[in-house]
Each structure stands twice: as structure tokens, then as C-alpha cells.
C-alpha atoms as a PDB file:
ATOM      1  CA  MET A   1     -47.159   4.679 -82.787  1.00  0.00           C
ATOM      2  CA  SER A   2     -50.846   5.486 -82.501  1.00  0.00           C
ATOM      3  CA  LYS A   3     -53.055   4.767 -85.446  1.00  0.00           C
ATOM      4  CA  ILE A   4     -53.530   7.655 -87.887  1.00  0.00           C
ATOM      5  CA  SER A   5     -56.104   8.239 -90.592  1.00  0.00           C
ATOM      6  CA  SER A   6     -54.969   8.563 -94.227  1.00  0.00           C
ATOM      7  CA  ARG A   7     -56.284  12.132 -94.259  1.00  0.00           C
ATOM      8  CA  ASN A   8     -54.058  13.103 -91.286  1.00  0.00           C
ATOM      9  CA  MET A   9     -51.110  11.250 -92.848  1.00  0.00           C
ATOM     10  CA  LEU A  10     -51.746  13.284 -96.043  1.00  0.00           C
ATOM     11  CA  LEU A  11     -51.835  16.550 -94.010  1.00  0.00           C
ATOM     12  CA  LEU A  12     -48.518  15.556 -92.427  1.00  0.00           C
ATOM     13  CA  MET A  13     -46.975  14.702 -95.858  1.00  0.00           C
ATOM     14  CA  LEU A  14     -48.032  18.177 -97.133  1.00  0.00           C
ATOM     15  CA  GLY A  15     -46.998  19.975 -93.960  1.00  0.00           C
ATOM     16  CA  ILE A  16     -43.762  18.370 -92.708  1.00  0.00           C
ATOM     17  CA  ALA A  17     -40.664  19.971 -94.071  1.00  0.00           C
ATOM     18  CA  LYS A  18     -37.219  18.433 -94.350  1.00  0.00           C
ATOM     19  CA  LYS A  19     -36.136  20.556 -91.394  1.00  0.00           C
ATOM     20  CA  PRO A  20     -37.905  20.459 -87.993  1.00  0.00           C
ATOM     21  CA  LYS A  21     -40.008  23.410 -86.876  1.00  0.00           C
ATOM     22  CA  ILE A  22     -41.073  24.281 -90.419  1.00  0.00           C
ATOM     23  CA  VAL A  23     -44.707  23.663 -91.512  1.00  0.00           C
ATOM     24  CA  GLY A  24     -46.507  24.225 -94.698  1.00  0.00           C
ATOM     25  CA  GLU A  25     -44.144  23.738 -97.648  1.00  0.00           C
ATOM     26  CA  GLY A  26     -46.621  21.727 -99.769  1.00  0.00           C
ATOM     27  CA  ILE A  27     -45.990  19.431-102.791  1.00  0.00           C
ATOM     28  CA  ASN A  28     -46.085  20.144-106.518  1.00  0.00           C
ATOM     29  CA  GLY A  29     -48.138  17.737-108.565  1.00  0.00           C
ATOM     30  CA  ILE A  30     -50.432  14.770-107.947  1.00  0.00           C
ATOM     31  CA  THR A  31     -47.954  12.301-109.418  1.00  0.00           C
ATOM     32  CA  ARG A  32     -45.219  13.449-107.078  1.00  0.00           C
ATOM     33  CA  LEU A  33     -47.581  13.295-104.121  1.00  0.00           C
ATOM     34  CA  GLN A  34     -48.728   9.750-105.136  1.00  0.00           C
ATOM     35  CA  LYS A  35     -45.098   8.525-105.358  1.00  0.00           C
ATOM     36  CA  LEU A  36     -43.969  10.143-102.133  1.00  0.00           C
ATOM     37  CA  LEU A  37     -46.817   8.520-100.247  1.00  0.00           C
ATOM     38  CA  PHE A  38     -46.027   5.254-101.869  1.00  0.00           C
ATOM     39  CA  LEU A  39     -42.375   5.539-100.858  1.00  0.00           C
ATOM     40  CA  LEU A  40     -43.375   6.562 -97.365  1.00  0.00           C
ATOM     41  CA  GLU A  41     -45.195   3.287 -97.058  1.00  0.00           C
ATOM     42  CA  LYS A  42     -42.469   1.243 -98.701  1.00  0.00           C
ATOM     43  CA  GLU A  43     -39.263   2.887 -97.334  1.00  0.00           C
ATOM     44  CA  GLY A  44     -40.366   5.105 -94.489  1.00  0.00           C
ATOM     45  CA  LEU A  45     -40.299   2.292 -91.969  1.00  0.00           C
ATOM     46  CA  ILE A  46     -43.895   2.906 -90.910  1.00  0.00           C
ATOM     47  CA  LYS A  47     -46.630   0.451 -90.599  1.00  0.00           C
ATOM     48  CA  LYS A  48     -49.326   0.581 -93.271  1.00  0.00           C
ATOM     49  CA  VAL A  49     -52.243   2.744 -92.195  1.00  0.00           C
ATOM     50  CA  GLU A  50     -55.395   0.698 -91.738  1.00  0.00           C
ATOM     51  CA  GLY A  51     -57.855   1.790 -94.464  1.00  0.00           C
ATOM     52  CA  GLY A  52     -55.168   4.006 -95.932  1.00  0.00           C
ATOM     53  CA  TYR A  53     -53.837   4.208 -99.424  1.00  0.00           C
ATOM     54  CA  GLN A  54     -54.078   0.973-101.314  1.00  0.00           C
ATOM     55  CA  PHE A  55     -51.567   1.408-104.089  1.00  0.00           C
ATOM     56  CA  GLN A  56     -52.030  -0.417-107.374  1.00  0.00           C
ATOM     57  CA  ALA A  57     -50.142  -0.478-110.672  1.00  0.00           C
ATOM     58  CA  TYR A  58     -51.650   2.126-112.967  1.00  0.00           C
ATOM     59  CA  LYS A  59     -50.923   4.423-115.888  1.00  0.00           C
ATOM     60  CA  ALA A  60     -48.016   6.294-114.207  1.00  0.00           C
ATOM     61  CA  GLY A  61     -46.987   3.665-111.716  1.00  0.00           C
ATOM     62  CA  PRO A  62     -48.164   3.342-108.114  1.00  0.00           C
ATOM     63  CA  TYR A  63     -51.578   4.924-107.736  1.00  0.00           C
ATOM     64  CA  SER A  64     -54.250   5.165-105.120  1.00  0.00           C
ATOM     65  CA  PRO A  65     -57.675   6.547-106.139  1.00  0.00           C
ATOM     66  CA  THR A  66     -58.407   7.219-102.410  1.00  0.00           C
ATOM     67  CA  LEU A  67     -55.849  10.052-102.555  1.00  0.00           C
ATOM     68  CA  TYR A  68     -58.133  12.079-104.832  1.00  0.00           C
ATOM     69  CA  ASP A  69     -61.058  11.630-102.419  1.00  0.00           C
ATOM     70  CA  ASP A  70     -58.910  12.725 -99.427  1.00  0.00           C
ATOM     71  CA  LEU A  71     -57.544  15.830-101.307  1.00  0.00           C
ATOM     72  CA  GLU A  72     -61.047  16.872-102.273  1.00  0.00           C
ATOM     73  CA  PHE A  73     -62.381  16.225 -98.715  1.00  0.00           C
ATOM     74  CA  LEU A  74     -59.540  18.197 -97.054  1.00  0.00           C
ATOM     75  CA  GLU A  75     -59.858  21.026 -99.514  1.00  0.00           C
ATOM     76  CA  ASN A  76     -63.645  21.253 -98.881  1.00  0.00           C
ATOM     77  CA  LEU A  77     -62.962  21.378 -95.138  1.00  0.00           C
ATOM     78  CA  GLY A  78     -60.523  24.251 -95.687  1.00  0.00           C
ATOM     79  CA  PHE A  79     -57.356  22.364 -94.553  1.00  0.00           C
ATOM     80  CA  ILE A  80     -55.622  22.451 -97.977  1.00  0.00           C
ATOM     81  CA  LYS A  81     -55.708  24.388-101.128  1.00  0.00           C
ATOM     82  CA  SER A  82     -54.556  23.594-104.578  1.00  0.00           C
ATOM     83  CA  GLU A  83     -53.302  26.124-107.103  1.00  0.00           C
ATOM     84  CA  VAL A  84     -52.297  25.609-110.718  1.00  0.00           C
ATOM     85  CA  SER A  85     -48.538  25.841-110.823  1.00  0.00           C
ATOM     86  CA  GLY A  86     -48.016  24.830-114.440  1.00  0.00           C
ATOM     87  CA  THR A  87     -49.077  22.532-117.148  1.00  0.00           C
ATOM     88  CA  ALA A  88     -49.076  18.877-116.396  1.00  0.00           C
ATOM     89  CA  THR A  89     -46.150  16.843-117.547  1.00  0.00           C
ATOM     90  CA  GLU A  90     -46.650  13.770-119.692  1.00  0.00           C
ATOM     91  CA  GLU A  91     -46.342  11.645-116.514  1.00  0.00           C
ATOM     92  CA  GLU A  92     -48.978  13.675-114.669  1.00  0.00           C
ATOM     93  CA  ALA A  93     -51.357  13.649-117.647  1.00  0.00           C
ATOM     94  CA  ALA A  94     -50.998   9.823-117.715  1.00  0.00           C
ATOM     95  CA  ASP A  95     -52.107   9.748-114.066  1.00  0.00           C
ATOM     96  CA  MET A  96     -55.264  11.667-115.107  1.00  0.00           C
ATOM     97  CA  ASP A  97     -55.864  10.324-118.642  1.00  0.00           C
ATOM     98  CA  PHE A  98     -59.034   8.146-118.497  1.00  0.00           C
ATOM     99  CA  THR A  99     -61.169   6.466-121.104  1.00  0.00           C
ATOM    100  CA  PHE A 100     -64.910   7.157-121.230  1.00  0.00           C
ATOM    101  CA  GLU A 101     -65.591   3.843-119.513  1.00  0.00           C
ATOM    102  CA  GLU A 102     -63.182   4.688-116.667  1.00  0.00           C
ATOM    103  CA  LEU A 103     -64.767   8.096-116.177  1.00  0.00           C
ATOM    104  CA  MET A 104     -68.123   6.384-115.746  1.00  0.00           C
ATOM    105  CA  ASP A 105     -66.636   4.025-113.167  1.00  0.00           C
ATOM    106  CA  GLU A 106     -67.298   5.356-109.622  1.00  0.00           C
ATOM    107  CA  GLU A 107     -63.971   3.830-108.448  1.00  0.00           C
ATOM    108  CA  VAL A 108     -61.937   6.179-110.700  1.00  0.00           C
ATOM    109  CA  LYS A 109     -61.407   9.814-109.767  1.00  0.00           C
ATOM    110  CA  THR A 110     -59.908  12.393-112.164  1.00  0.00           C
ATOM    111  CA  ALA A 111     -58.777  15.975-112.203  1.00  0.00           C
ATOM    112  CA  ASP A 112     -60.856  18.403-114.168  1.00  0.00           C
ATOM    113  CA  VAL A 113     -57.929  19.766-116.195  1.00  0.00           C
ATOM    114  CA  TYR A 114     -54.458  18.792-117.239  1.00  0.00           C
ATOM    115  CA  ASP A 115     -52.828  21.358-115.062  1.00  0.00           C
ATOM    116  CA  GLU A 116     -50.132  20.613-112.506  1.00  0.00           C
ATOM    117  CA  LYS A 117     -51.386  21.617-109.079  1.00  0.00           C
ATOM    118  CA  ARG A 118     -49.378  22.586-106.034  1.00  0.00           C
ATOM    119  CA  PHE A 119     -50.999  21.285-102.878  1.00  0.00           C
ATOM    120  CA  THR A 120     -50.415  23.400 -99.774  1.00  0.00           C
ATOM    121  CA  LEU A 121     -51.858  23.784 -96.263  1.00  0.00           C
ATOM    122  CA  THR A 122     -54.168  26.586 -95.402  1.00  0.00           C
ATOM    123  CA  GLU A 123     -53.670  28.329 -92.004  1.00  0.00           C
ATOM    124  CA  GLN A 124     -56.284  25.941 -90.637  1.00  0.00           C
ATOM    125  CA  GLY A 125     -54.343  22.999 -92.105  1.00  0.00           C
ATOM    126  CA  GLN A 126     -51.081  24.290 -90.644  1.00  0.00           C
ATOM    127  CA  ASN A 127     -52.713  24.526 -87.214  1.00  0.00           C
ATOM    128  CA  LYS A 128     -53.986  20.890 -87.535  1.00  0.00           C
ATOM    129  CA  VAL A 129     -50.455  19.763 -88.515  1.00  0.00           C
ATOM    130  CA  LYS A 130     -48.903  21.620 -85.576  1.00  0.00           C
ATOM    131  CA  THR A 131     -51.471  19.885 -83.268  1.00  0.00           C
ATOM    132  CA  LEU A 132     -50.605  16.456 -84.757  1.00  0.00           C
ATOM    133  CA  ILE A 133     -46.853  17.159 -84.271  1.00  0.00           C
ATOM    134  CA  GLU A 134     -47.255  18.410 -80.743  1.00  0.00           C
ATOM    135  CA  SER A 135     -49.163  15.336 -79.679  1.00  0.00           C
ATOM    136  CA  THR A 136     -45.907  13.258 -80.088  1.00  0.00           C
ATOM    137  CA  ASP A 137     -48.115  10.192 -80.956  1.00  0.00           C
ATOM    138  CA  TYR A 138     -46.903  10.275 -84.508  1.00  0.00           C
ATOM    139  CA  GLU A 139     -43.145  10.882 -84.094  1.00  0.00           C
ATOM    140  CA  PRO A 140     -42.131   7.713 -86.087  1.00  0.00           C
ATOM    141  CA  LEU A 141     -44.453   8.821 -88.950  1.00  0.00           C
ATOM    142  CA  ILE A 142     -43.160  12.370 -88.856  1.00  0.00           C
ATOM    143  CA  GLU A 143     -39.588  11.226 -88.935  1.00  0.00           C
ATOM    144  CA  GLY A 144     -40.462   8.800 -91.819  1.00  0.00           C
ATOM    145  CA  ILE A 145     -41.948  11.701 -93.814  1.00  0.00           C
ATOM    146  CA  ARG A 146     -38.864  13.849 -93.106  1.00  0.00           C
ATOM    147  CA  LYS A 147     -36.663  10.984 -94.268  1.00  0.00           C
ATOM    148  CA  ILE A 148     -38.643  10.468 -97.520  1.00  0.00           C
ATOM    149  CA  LYS A 149     -38.807  14.196 -98.267  1.00  0.00           C
ATOM    150  CA  SER A 150     -35.117  14.677 -97.486  1.00  0.00           C
ATOM    151  CA  LYS A 151     -34.173  11.814 -99.743  1.00  0.00           C
ATOM    152  CA  TYR A 152     -36.563  12.267-102.634  1.00  0.00           C
ATOM    153  CA  GLY A 153     -38.049  15.737-102.256  1.00  0.00           C
ATOM    154  CA  ASP A 154     -35.597  17.481-104.506  1.00  0.00           C
ATOM    155  CA  TYR A 155     -35.706  14.793-107.251  1.00  0.00           C
ATOM    156  CA  SER A 156     -37.138  15.924-110.534  1.00  0.00           C
ATOM    157  CA  LEU A 157     -40.336  14.152-111.399  1.00  0.00           C
ATOM    158  CA  ASP A 158     -38.394  12.150-114.047  1.00  0.00           C
ATOM    159  CA  ASP A 159     -35.803  11.040-111.478  1.00  0.00           C
ATOM    160  CA  LEU A 160     -38.470  10.215-108.938  1.00  0.00           C
ATOM    161  CA  LEU A 161     -40.348   8.110-111.483  1.00  0.00           C
ATOM    162  CA  TYR A 162     -37.261   6.392-112.668  1.00  0.00           C
ATOM    163  CA  TYR A 163     -36.342   5.443-109.132  1.00  0.00           C
ATOM    164  CA  VAL A 164     -39.796   4.099-108.308  1.00  0.00           C
ATOM    165  CA  TYR A 165     -39.937   2.210-111.673  1.00  0.00           C
ATOM    166  CA  THR A 166     -36.619   0.568-111.226  1.00  0.00           C
ATOM    167  CA  LYS A 167     -36.980  -0.171-107.522  1.00  0.00           C
ATOM    168  CA  TYR A 168     -40.621  -1.441-107.672  1.00  0.00           C
ATOM    169  CA  PRO A 169     -41.111  -2.865-111.172  1.00  0.00           C
ATOM    170  CA  GLU A 170     -44.224  -4.701-109.999  1.00  0.00           C
ATOM    171  CA  MET A 171     -45.952  -1.269-109.880  1.00  0.00           C
ATOM    172  CA  THR A 172     -45.230  -0.587-113.524  1.00  0.00           C
ATOM    173  CA  THR A 173     -47.254  -3.447-115.168  1.00  0.00           C
ATOM    174  CA  GLU A 174     -50.045  -1.077-116.240  1.00  0.00           C
ATOM    175  CA  SER A 175     -47.864   1.954-116.961  1.00  0.00           C
ATOM    176  CA  GLU A 176     -48.410   3.843-120.187  1.00  0.00           C
ATOM    177  CA  ILE A 177     -45.171   5.784-119.677  1.00  0.00           C
ATOM    178  CA  LYS A 178     -42.861   2.959-118.602  1.00  0.00           C
ATOM    179  CA  ASP A 179     -40.725   3.001-121.788  1.00  0.00           C
ATOM    180  CA  HIS A 180     -40.461   6.759-121.681  1.00  0.00           C
ATOM    181  CA  VAL A 181     -39.448   6.878-118.024  1.00  0.00           C
ATOM    182  CA  LEU A 182     -36.871   4.105-118.386  1.00  0.00           C
ATOM    183  CA  ARG A 183     -35.486   5.599-121.557  1.00  0.00           C
ATOM    184  CA  LYS A 184     -35.072   9.028-120.005  1.00  0.00           C
ATOM    185  CA  GLY A 185     -33.467   7.423-116.958  1.00  0.00           C
ATOM    186  CA  ARG A 186     -30.888   5.530-118.923  1.00  0.00           C
ATOM    187  CA  LYS A 187     -29.751   8.761-120.693  1.00  0.00           C
ATOM    188  CA  ARG A 188     -28.570  10.314-117.302  1.00  0.00           C
END
């Protein structure tokens, strides 16, 4: 597989659907997007993207601040759009809940409001994804994304978090919602 930038990988994650030939379904919520990208790296049987998302344990589990930069960059270029789709869940708020010191740290990026956003491709973004798909250079990555979205795409956020927290406990050491996630998961 050819090398791919994290931004193109993000475009593919947003644009690849579970079924072939469909582009542009998008993803609800930054926490879900973070976890799906994390699972793509861990379970999608793809090589880690050089300079890509460096996941670390954080307030809501695996987290990469680079994702916020890439979302903003791609939105500014007109490839993606974000729309408020509801109020952030406790888990999403934890992903965005920073102290004053953290807000002053250039490394940390945060959303402006505690609203859940749906990230989708614009027409320009859909065209870019179609071009990436047609090049055939990224077939293993595209199949990896389809696999991850097919397996975890319909999980509720609670179920997705429970899976990630129980499968990758090393990514929960800084979590502020760990007890909540694990308690909810045990009730199922």
C-alpha cells in the first residue's frame, strides 16, 4: 500500500461506507471518530501512518489532538463540514473538558461548545474521496475502514467505549469516565 497522509485517511474514514460504491455517510461525534480511527489502527490490519495520529490515554480513552487540527484544516479547505447534531454526551464532554492550564497549552485543542457534531464530506470532499478510491493505491486501507465501520459503526457510543475500554485498558489510565463506562457496560 502506498503511504497516505492522516488527512486523506480521515477523509476516507468519513467517506467510506460499509457498502462499496457509497460515499459520504459521515460520522456523528468527535469521540466516536477518535475511537474508530484508533480501532482502524489497532484492528484494521493496516500499517500505522507515518506522522499520523499518535493516540494517547486521555479523559475519554484513546485520543489524538492532531485529529482536531486535521478536522479544522479540512473544513477550512472545504472538504468537510460539521453540523451540530445534538448535545454532547458525558463521554464527548469529557473529550473536550479542559482546565484553564490545558486551554493555554498549544498542544491541546478543544471544541468551542459542548455540542455533538456530525462530520460529513462536502461535494468537494466526496470528489476527493472518489479520486482516492479510484487510484487503487489505498485498497487495503479502504477495506480496513469498511471492516471497522461494518463491525463497530452501528455500536452506540456507550458500547463502542465499553469495547475499547475493555480491549485496550492501557488507553484508559487517564480516563475521567472509566468507572461510568465500565459500570454501564456490565449492566448489559
